[in-house]
N, C-alpha and C. Protein backbone atom coordinates (compact mmCIF):
# COMPACT_ATOMS: atom_id res chain seq x y z
N MET A 1 -62.64 93.08 -71.79
CA MET A 1 -62.97 92.11 -72.82
C MET A 1 -63.08 90.73 -72.18
N ASN A 2 -64.10 90.05 -72.56
CA ASN A 2 -64.31 88.69 -72.08
C ASN A 2 -63.76 87.72 -73.13
N ILE A 3 -62.72 86.96 -72.78
CA ILE A 3 -62.13 86.06 -73.78
C ILE A 3 -63.03 84.88 -74.12
N PHE A 4 -64.14 84.75 -73.40
CA PHE A 4 -65.10 83.70 -73.71
C PHE A 4 -66.27 84.23 -74.54
N ALA A 5 -66.19 85.49 -74.93
CA ALA A 5 -67.21 86.08 -75.81
C ALA A 5 -67.00 85.52 -77.23
N PRO A 6 -68.04 85.56 -78.04
CA PRO A 6 -67.88 85.05 -79.41
C PRO A 6 -66.99 85.96 -80.26
N ILE A 7 -66.30 85.35 -81.19
CA ILE A 7 -65.43 86.08 -82.12
C ILE A 7 -66.21 87.16 -82.86
N SER A 8 -67.48 86.92 -83.11
CA SER A 8 -68.30 87.90 -83.84
C SER A 8 -68.35 89.25 -83.13
N SER A 9 -68.07 89.27 -81.82
CA SER A 9 -68.09 90.54 -81.09
C SER A 9 -66.88 91.41 -81.39
N LEU A 10 -65.82 90.84 -81.99
CA LEU A 10 -64.60 91.59 -82.29
C LEU A 10 -64.24 91.67 -83.76
N MET A 11 -64.70 90.72 -84.54
CA MET A 11 -64.24 90.60 -85.93
C MET A 11 -64.68 91.80 -86.77
N THR A 12 -63.94 92.00 -87.84
CA THR A 12 -64.38 92.93 -88.88
C THR A 12 -65.34 92.13 -89.74
N ASP A 13 -66.58 92.61 -89.84
CA ASP A 13 -67.56 91.80 -90.58
C ASP A 13 -67.45 92.01 -92.09
N HIS A 14 -68.08 91.11 -92.83
CA HIS A 14 -67.96 91.10 -94.29
C HIS A 14 -68.40 92.40 -94.95
N LYS A 15 -69.23 93.18 -94.30
CA LYS A 15 -69.68 94.45 -94.89
C LYS A 15 -68.55 95.46 -94.97
N HIS A 16 -67.52 95.28 -94.12
CA HIS A 16 -66.40 96.21 -94.08
C HIS A 16 -65.10 95.62 -94.63
N LEU A 17 -65.19 94.42 -95.19
CA LEU A 17 -63.99 93.77 -95.73
C LEU A 17 -63.73 94.19 -97.16
N VAL A 18 -62.46 94.30 -97.47
CA VAL A 18 -62.02 94.47 -98.84
C VAL A 18 -61.49 93.11 -99.24
N THR A 19 -61.97 92.57 -100.35
CA THR A 19 -61.55 91.24 -100.79
C THR A 19 -61.04 91.29 -102.22
N LEU A 20 -60.41 90.21 -102.61
CA LEU A 20 -59.89 90.04 -103.96
C LEU A 20 -60.43 88.75 -104.55
N ALA A 21 -60.44 88.68 -105.87
CA ALA A 21 -60.73 87.43 -106.57
C ALA A 21 -59.38 86.81 -106.96
N PRO A 22 -59.30 85.49 -107.06
CA PRO A 22 -58.03 84.84 -107.38
C PRO A 22 -57.42 85.29 -108.71
N GLU A 23 -58.28 85.70 -109.66
CA GLU A 23 -57.80 86.06 -110.99
C GLU A 23 -57.38 87.53 -111.12
N GLU A 24 -57.58 88.31 -110.06
CA GLU A 24 -57.20 89.73 -110.14
C GLU A 24 -55.68 89.86 -110.18
N SER A 25 -55.24 90.98 -110.72
CA SER A 25 -53.80 91.20 -110.84
C SER A 25 -53.22 91.76 -109.55
N LEU A 26 -51.92 91.66 -109.43
CA LEU A 26 -51.25 92.22 -108.26
C LEU A 26 -51.29 93.75 -108.27
N ALA A 27 -51.61 94.34 -109.42
CA ALA A 27 -51.80 95.79 -109.46
C ALA A 27 -52.94 96.18 -108.54
N LYS A 28 -53.98 95.37 -108.49
CA LYS A 28 -55.11 95.60 -107.58
C LYS A 28 -54.67 95.46 -106.13
N VAL A 29 -53.83 94.48 -105.85
CA VAL A 29 -53.30 94.28 -104.50
C VAL A 29 -52.52 95.52 -104.07
N LYS A 30 -51.65 96.01 -104.93
CA LYS A 30 -50.86 97.21 -104.62
C LYS A 30 -51.77 98.41 -104.37
N GLU A 31 -52.78 98.55 -105.19
CA GLU A 31 -53.73 99.65 -105.04
C GLU A 31 -54.43 99.59 -103.67
N ILE A 32 -54.84 98.41 -103.27
CA ILE A 32 -55.53 98.25 -101.98
C ILE A 32 -54.57 98.54 -100.82
N PHE A 33 -53.38 97.95 -100.86
CA PHE A 33 -52.42 98.19 -99.77
C PHE A 33 -51.98 99.65 -99.71
N ASP A 34 -51.88 100.32 -100.85
CA ASP A 34 -51.52 101.74 -100.85
C ASP A 34 -52.63 102.61 -100.25
N ALA A 35 -53.87 102.16 -100.38
CA ALA A 35 -55.02 102.96 -99.92
C ALA A 35 -55.44 102.68 -98.48
N HIS A 36 -55.01 101.55 -97.93
CA HIS A 36 -55.46 101.13 -96.60
C HIS A 36 -54.28 100.75 -95.71
N LYS A 37 -54.53 100.77 -94.40
CA LYS A 37 -53.49 100.42 -93.44
C LYS A 37 -53.46 98.94 -93.08
N PHE A 38 -54.48 98.18 -93.48
CA PHE A 38 -54.50 96.78 -93.06
C PHE A 38 -53.44 95.97 -93.80
N HIS A 39 -53.17 94.75 -93.28
CA HIS A 39 -52.07 93.94 -93.76
C HIS A 39 -52.48 92.62 -94.40
N HIS A 40 -53.77 92.34 -94.46
CA HIS A 40 -54.24 91.08 -95.04
C HIS A 40 -55.48 91.33 -95.88
N ILE A 41 -55.52 90.68 -97.04
CA ILE A 41 -56.69 90.79 -97.91
C ILE A 41 -57.19 89.36 -98.19
N PRO A 42 -58.41 89.06 -97.77
CA PRO A 42 -58.97 87.74 -98.08
C PRO A 42 -59.21 87.60 -99.59
N VAL A 43 -58.97 86.40 -100.09
CA VAL A 43 -59.22 86.09 -101.50
C VAL A 43 -60.44 85.17 -101.52
N VAL A 44 -61.46 85.60 -102.25
CA VAL A 44 -62.71 84.85 -102.26
C VAL A 44 -63.15 84.51 -103.68
N HIS A 45 -63.86 83.41 -103.74
CA HIS A 45 -64.50 82.97 -104.97
C HIS A 45 -65.97 82.75 -104.61
N PHE A 46 -66.84 83.66 -105.00
CA PHE A 46 -68.26 83.63 -104.64
C PHE A 46 -68.45 83.52 -103.12
N ARG A 47 -67.81 84.38 -102.37
CA ARG A 47 -67.87 84.48 -100.91
C ARG A 47 -67.20 83.32 -100.17
N GLU A 48 -66.68 82.34 -100.91
CA GLU A 48 -65.93 81.26 -100.27
C GLU A 48 -64.47 81.68 -100.20
N ILE A 49 -63.89 81.62 -99.01
CA ILE A 49 -62.48 81.99 -98.84
C ILE A 49 -61.60 80.92 -99.47
N VAL A 50 -60.71 81.35 -100.37
CA VAL A 50 -59.81 80.41 -101.03
C VAL A 50 -58.35 80.74 -100.74
N GLY A 51 -58.10 81.87 -100.10
CA GLY A 51 -56.73 82.25 -99.78
C GLY A 51 -56.68 83.61 -99.10
N ILE A 52 -55.46 84.04 -98.83
CA ILE A 52 -55.25 85.35 -98.23
C ILE A 52 -53.92 85.88 -98.74
N VAL A 53 -53.87 87.18 -98.96
CA VAL A 53 -52.63 87.85 -99.38
C VAL A 53 -52.23 88.79 -98.27
N SER A 54 -51.01 88.63 -97.79
CA SER A 54 -50.51 89.55 -96.76
C SER A 54 -49.62 90.60 -97.41
N ARG A 55 -49.53 91.72 -96.75
CA ARG A 55 -48.65 92.79 -97.23
C ARG A 55 -47.20 92.27 -97.31
N THR A 56 -46.81 91.47 -96.32
CA THR A 56 -45.45 90.93 -96.29
C THR A 56 -45.19 90.02 -97.48
N ASP A 57 -46.14 89.13 -97.80
CA ASP A 57 -45.98 88.24 -98.95
C ASP A 57 -45.91 89.03 -100.25
N PHE A 58 -46.75 90.05 -100.35
CA PHE A 58 -46.76 90.88 -101.55
C PHE A 58 -45.42 91.59 -101.72
N GLU A 59 -44.92 92.21 -100.65
CA GLU A 59 -43.65 92.92 -100.73
C GLU A 59 -42.49 91.97 -101.00
N PHE A 60 -42.53 90.77 -100.43
CA PHE A 60 -41.50 89.77 -100.70
C PHE A 60 -41.51 89.41 -102.18
N PHE A 61 -42.69 89.17 -102.73
CA PHE A 61 -42.80 88.83 -104.15
C PHE A 61 -42.24 89.94 -105.03
N MET A 62 -42.50 91.18 -104.63
CA MET A 62 -42.03 92.32 -105.42
C MET A 62 -40.55 92.64 -105.16
N GLY A 63 -39.90 91.90 -104.29
CA GLY A 63 -38.49 92.13 -104.02
C GLY A 63 -38.23 93.20 -103.00
N GLY A 64 -39.23 93.54 -102.20
CA GLY A 64 -39.08 94.59 -101.20
C GLY A 64 -39.38 95.95 -101.80
N SER A 65 -39.82 96.86 -100.97
CA SER A 65 -40.23 98.18 -101.46
C SER A 65 -39.06 98.97 -102.04
N SER A 66 -37.84 98.73 -101.58
CA SER A 66 -36.70 99.50 -102.08
C SER A 66 -36.36 99.14 -103.52
N HIS A 67 -36.69 97.92 -103.95
CA HIS A 67 -36.39 97.50 -105.31
C HIS A 67 -37.43 97.97 -106.32
N TYR A 68 -38.57 98.43 -105.85
CA TYR A 68 -39.65 98.77 -106.77
C TYR A 68 -39.23 99.88 -107.73
N GLU A 69 -38.58 100.89 -107.23
CA GLU A 69 -38.20 102.03 -108.07
C GLU A 69 -37.03 101.72 -108.99
N GLU A 70 -36.23 100.69 -108.69
CA GLU A 70 -35.04 100.39 -109.48
C GLU A 70 -35.38 100.08 -110.94
N ASP A 71 -36.39 99.30 -111.17
CA ASP A 71 -36.82 98.99 -112.53
C ASP A 71 -38.33 99.05 -112.59
N LYS A 72 -38.82 100.26 -112.60
CA LYS A 72 -40.26 100.49 -112.52
C LYS A 72 -41.04 99.79 -113.64
N TYR A 73 -40.50 99.80 -114.84
CA TYR A 73 -41.19 99.19 -115.98
C TYR A 73 -41.38 97.69 -115.77
N VAL A 74 -40.33 97.00 -115.35
CA VAL A 74 -40.40 95.56 -115.11
C VAL A 74 -41.39 95.26 -113.99
N ASN A 75 -41.34 96.05 -112.94
CA ASN A 75 -42.24 95.82 -111.82
C ASN A 75 -43.70 96.11 -112.19
N GLU A 76 -43.94 97.10 -113.02
CA GLU A 76 -45.31 97.37 -113.49
C GLU A 76 -45.83 96.19 -114.29
N LEU A 77 -44.97 95.60 -115.11
CA LEU A 77 -45.38 94.41 -115.87
C LEU A 77 -45.69 93.24 -114.93
N ARG A 78 -44.85 93.05 -113.92
CA ARG A 78 -45.10 91.97 -112.95
C ARG A 78 -46.44 92.19 -112.25
N LEU A 79 -46.74 93.42 -111.88
CA LEU A 79 -48.00 93.72 -111.20
C LEU A 79 -49.19 93.42 -112.10
N GLU A 80 -49.10 93.76 -113.35
CA GLU A 80 -50.22 93.56 -114.28
C GLU A 80 -50.39 92.09 -114.69
N ARG A 81 -49.29 91.37 -114.82
CA ARG A 81 -49.35 90.02 -115.36
C ARG A 81 -49.45 88.91 -114.32
N THR A 82 -49.18 89.21 -113.07
CA THR A 82 -49.25 88.19 -112.03
C THR A 82 -50.62 88.23 -111.37
N GLN A 83 -51.22 87.07 -111.23
CA GLN A 83 -52.54 86.98 -110.60
C GLN A 83 -52.39 86.71 -109.10
N VAL A 84 -53.39 87.13 -108.36
CA VAL A 84 -53.44 86.95 -106.92
C VAL A 84 -53.22 85.49 -106.54
N LYS A 85 -53.83 84.56 -107.26
CA LYS A 85 -53.74 83.14 -106.92
C LYS A 85 -52.30 82.61 -106.96
N GLU A 86 -51.40 83.34 -107.62
CA GLU A 86 -50.01 82.89 -107.71
C GLU A 86 -49.22 83.18 -106.44
N ILE A 87 -49.66 84.13 -105.62
CA ILE A 87 -48.91 84.44 -104.40
C ILE A 87 -49.72 84.27 -103.12
N MET A 88 -51.01 84.01 -103.23
CA MET A 88 -51.84 83.90 -102.03
C MET A 88 -51.49 82.66 -101.22
N VAL A 89 -51.70 82.73 -99.93
CA VAL A 89 -51.55 81.59 -99.05
C VAL A 89 -52.88 80.83 -99.09
N LYS A 90 -52.79 79.53 -99.35
CA LYS A 90 -54.01 78.73 -99.51
C LYS A 90 -54.36 77.93 -98.26
N ARG A 91 -53.38 77.59 -97.47
CA ARG A 91 -53.63 76.82 -96.25
C ARG A 91 -53.91 77.80 -95.11
N LEU A 92 -55.16 77.88 -94.71
CA LEU A 92 -55.58 78.89 -93.76
C LEU A 92 -56.16 78.26 -92.50
N GLY A 93 -55.93 78.93 -91.39
CA GLY A 93 -56.70 78.63 -90.20
C GLY A 93 -58.01 79.39 -90.32
N LYS A 94 -59.08 78.81 -89.90
CA LYS A 94 -60.39 79.46 -89.98
C LYS A 94 -61.11 79.28 -88.66
N VAL A 95 -61.97 80.23 -88.35
CA VAL A 95 -62.80 80.15 -87.15
C VAL A 95 -64.24 80.47 -87.55
N ALA A 96 -65.15 80.14 -86.65
CA ALA A 96 -66.57 80.44 -86.84
C ALA A 96 -66.93 81.65 -86.00
N PRO A 97 -67.97 82.40 -86.37
CA PRO A 97 -68.35 83.58 -85.60
C PRO A 97 -68.72 83.28 -84.16
N ASP A 98 -69.23 82.06 -83.89
CA ASP A 98 -69.62 81.73 -82.52
C ASP A 98 -68.50 81.04 -81.73
N ASP A 99 -67.34 80.82 -82.36
CA ASP A 99 -66.18 80.36 -81.59
C ASP A 99 -65.80 81.44 -80.59
N ARG A 100 -65.19 81.05 -79.51
CA ARG A 100 -64.81 82.00 -78.46
C ARG A 100 -63.47 82.67 -78.79
N ILE A 101 -63.30 83.87 -78.29
CA ILE A 101 -62.07 84.64 -78.53
C ILE A 101 -60.85 83.86 -78.05
N ASN A 102 -60.97 83.11 -76.95
CA ASN A 102 -59.83 82.35 -76.45
C ASN A 102 -59.37 81.29 -77.46
N VAL A 103 -60.27 80.77 -78.27
CA VAL A 103 -59.90 79.82 -79.32
C VAL A 103 -59.01 80.52 -80.35
N ALA A 104 -59.40 81.71 -80.74
CA ALA A 104 -58.60 82.48 -81.70
C ALA A 104 -57.23 82.81 -81.12
N LEU A 105 -57.20 83.18 -79.84
CA LEU A 105 -55.91 83.49 -79.20
C LEU A 105 -54.99 82.27 -79.25
N GLU A 106 -55.51 81.12 -78.97
CA GLU A 106 -54.71 79.90 -79.01
C GLU A 106 -54.18 79.64 -80.42
N ILE A 107 -55.03 79.83 -81.43
CA ILE A 107 -54.60 79.64 -82.82
C ILE A 107 -53.51 80.63 -83.17
N PHE A 108 -53.68 81.89 -82.78
CA PHE A 108 -52.66 82.90 -83.06
C PHE A 108 -51.33 82.53 -82.40
N LEU A 109 -51.38 82.07 -81.16
CA LEU A 109 -50.15 81.74 -80.43
C LEU A 109 -49.44 80.51 -80.97
N ILE A 110 -50.19 79.48 -81.27
CA ILE A 110 -49.59 78.22 -81.71
C ILE A 110 -49.11 78.30 -83.16
N ASN A 111 -49.92 78.88 -84.02
CA ASN A 111 -49.62 78.86 -85.46
C ASN A 111 -48.96 80.12 -85.98
N ARG A 112 -48.91 81.14 -85.17
CA ARG A 112 -48.32 82.43 -85.55
C ARG A 112 -48.99 83.04 -86.77
N PHE A 113 -50.29 82.78 -86.90
CA PHE A 113 -51.08 83.45 -87.93
C PHE A 113 -51.25 84.91 -87.52
N HIS A 114 -51.48 85.76 -88.48
CA HIS A 114 -51.73 87.17 -88.20
C HIS A 114 -53.12 87.60 -88.64
N ALA A 115 -53.88 86.66 -89.18
CA ALA A 115 -55.27 86.94 -89.56
C ALA A 115 -56.00 85.61 -89.65
N LEU A 116 -57.23 85.62 -89.15
CA LEU A 116 -58.07 84.42 -89.22
C LEU A 116 -59.36 84.76 -89.94
N PRO A 117 -59.61 84.12 -91.08
CA PRO A 117 -60.91 84.29 -91.72
C PRO A 117 -61.99 83.70 -90.82
N VAL A 118 -63.12 84.39 -90.75
CA VAL A 118 -64.27 83.90 -89.99
C VAL A 118 -65.27 83.39 -91.01
N VAL A 119 -65.59 82.11 -90.90
CA VAL A 119 -66.39 81.43 -91.92
C VAL A 119 -67.62 80.82 -91.29
N GLU A 120 -68.75 80.98 -91.99
CA GLU A 120 -70.01 80.38 -91.55
C GLU A 120 -70.70 79.78 -92.76
N ASP A 121 -71.06 78.52 -92.66
CA ASP A 121 -71.69 77.79 -93.77
C ASP A 121 -70.87 77.90 -95.06
N GLY A 122 -69.55 77.84 -94.92
CA GLY A 122 -68.66 77.87 -96.08
C GLY A 122 -68.40 79.24 -96.66
N GLU A 123 -69.02 80.28 -96.12
CA GLU A 123 -68.85 81.64 -96.65
C GLU A 123 -68.06 82.52 -95.70
N LEU A 124 -67.23 83.40 -96.26
CA LEU A 124 -66.49 84.36 -95.47
C LEU A 124 -67.46 85.39 -94.90
N VAL A 125 -67.46 85.53 -93.58
CA VAL A 125 -68.35 86.51 -92.94
C VAL A 125 -67.56 87.57 -92.17
N GLY A 126 -66.24 87.38 -92.08
CA GLY A 126 -65.44 88.36 -91.37
C GLY A 126 -63.99 87.94 -91.30
N ILE A 127 -63.21 88.76 -90.58
CA ILE A 127 -61.80 88.45 -90.35
C ILE A 127 -61.44 88.94 -88.96
N LEU A 128 -60.55 88.22 -88.31
CA LEU A 128 -60.10 88.59 -86.97
C LEU A 128 -58.58 88.62 -86.98
N THR A 129 -58.01 89.67 -86.40
CA THR A 129 -56.56 89.81 -86.32
C THR A 129 -56.16 90.05 -84.87
N PRO A 130 -54.90 89.82 -84.54
CA PRO A 130 -54.44 90.17 -83.19
C PRO A 130 -54.66 91.66 -82.88
N TYR A 131 -54.60 92.50 -83.90
CA TYR A 131 -54.87 93.93 -83.70
C TYR A 131 -56.28 94.15 -83.15
N ASP A 132 -57.26 93.42 -83.66
CA ASP A 132 -58.64 93.56 -83.18
C ASP A 132 -58.71 93.25 -81.68
N ILE A 133 -57.98 92.21 -81.27
CA ILE A 133 -57.98 91.83 -79.86
C ILE A 133 -57.26 92.88 -79.02
N MET A 134 -56.10 93.33 -79.50
CA MET A 134 -55.35 94.36 -78.75
C MET A 134 -56.14 95.65 -78.66
N ASN A 135 -56.82 96.01 -79.72
CA ASN A 135 -57.64 97.23 -79.73
C ASN A 135 -58.74 97.14 -78.68
N ALA A 136 -59.41 95.99 -78.60
CA ALA A 136 -60.46 95.79 -77.59
C ALA A 136 -59.88 95.86 -76.18
N LEU A 137 -58.72 95.25 -75.98
CA LEU A 137 -58.07 95.29 -74.67
C LEU A 137 -57.68 96.72 -74.28
N SER A 138 -57.21 97.49 -75.24
CA SER A 138 -56.77 98.86 -74.93
C SER A 138 -57.92 99.77 -74.51
N LYS A 139 -59.13 99.39 -74.85
CA LYS A 139 -60.31 100.20 -74.52
C LYS A 139 -60.97 99.77 -73.21
N GLN A 140 -60.42 98.72 -72.60
CA GLN A 140 -61.00 98.23 -71.35
C GLN A 140 -60.75 99.20 -70.21
N ILE A 141 -61.74 99.31 -69.36
CA ILE A 141 -61.63 100.14 -68.16
C ILE A 141 -61.57 99.19 -66.97
N PRO A 142 -60.54 99.35 -66.12
CA PRO A 142 -60.45 98.44 -64.97
C PRO A 142 -61.61 98.62 -64.00
N ALA A 143 -61.99 97.55 -63.35
CA ALA A 143 -63.07 97.61 -62.36
C ALA A 143 -62.68 98.53 -61.20
N ASP A 144 -61.40 98.56 -60.86
CA ASP A 144 -60.89 99.43 -59.80
C ASP A 144 -60.41 100.72 -60.46
N SER A 145 -61.18 101.79 -60.34
CA SER A 145 -60.85 103.05 -61.01
C SER A 145 -59.56 103.68 -60.50
N SER A 146 -59.05 103.24 -59.35
CA SER A 146 -57.79 103.79 -58.85
C SER A 146 -56.61 103.33 -59.71
N LEU A 147 -56.83 102.31 -60.55
CA LEU A 147 -55.77 101.82 -61.42
C LEU A 147 -55.66 102.61 -62.72
N VAL A 148 -56.59 103.53 -62.97
CA VAL A 148 -56.58 104.32 -64.19
C VAL A 148 -55.53 105.41 -64.05
N TYR A 149 -54.63 105.48 -65.02
CA TYR A 149 -53.58 106.49 -65.02
C TYR A 149 -54.17 107.83 -65.44
N GLU A 150 -53.90 108.84 -64.67
CA GLU A 150 -54.36 110.18 -65.01
C GLU A 150 -53.15 111.05 -65.24
N ASN A 151 -53.11 111.69 -66.38
CA ASN A 151 -52.04 112.61 -66.70
C ASN A 151 -52.37 113.95 -66.06
N LYS A 152 -51.55 114.40 -65.13
CA LYS A 152 -51.84 115.62 -64.39
C LYS A 152 -51.14 116.85 -64.96
N ASP A 153 -50.63 116.74 -66.17
CA ASP A 153 -49.96 117.89 -66.80
C ASP A 153 -50.94 118.87 -67.36
């Protein structure tokens, strides 16, 4: 992986993103997190990013997963009556698709963000996470093939 390559070479593009509207209920958030392995859902208003909901923030709001079953009725009401905009993070770091991967790495390291919306002309076009970078690194093949580990079992 070339850390000077554009972020667009690693990001999950908007065609593959699952997003939420600010007015949607947390029941929708729970449904999405239950169906997918990702940890961040961008919140958009007409393709403009207005926030992000993390799995951690959602679980914190719900009192942790262990408390969910304790009073299922109350928690179902909370899920239906609470809107995404009430728990989303509004102050976001953002990058452009043509920014370099090293810029994103610096933002991740300094700010401890776990997801960066990729924005172009004010519209959400993708998202980049440290997982995307680690995944790309794990697929790299060293120039010196003698460094490749071979399992001889």
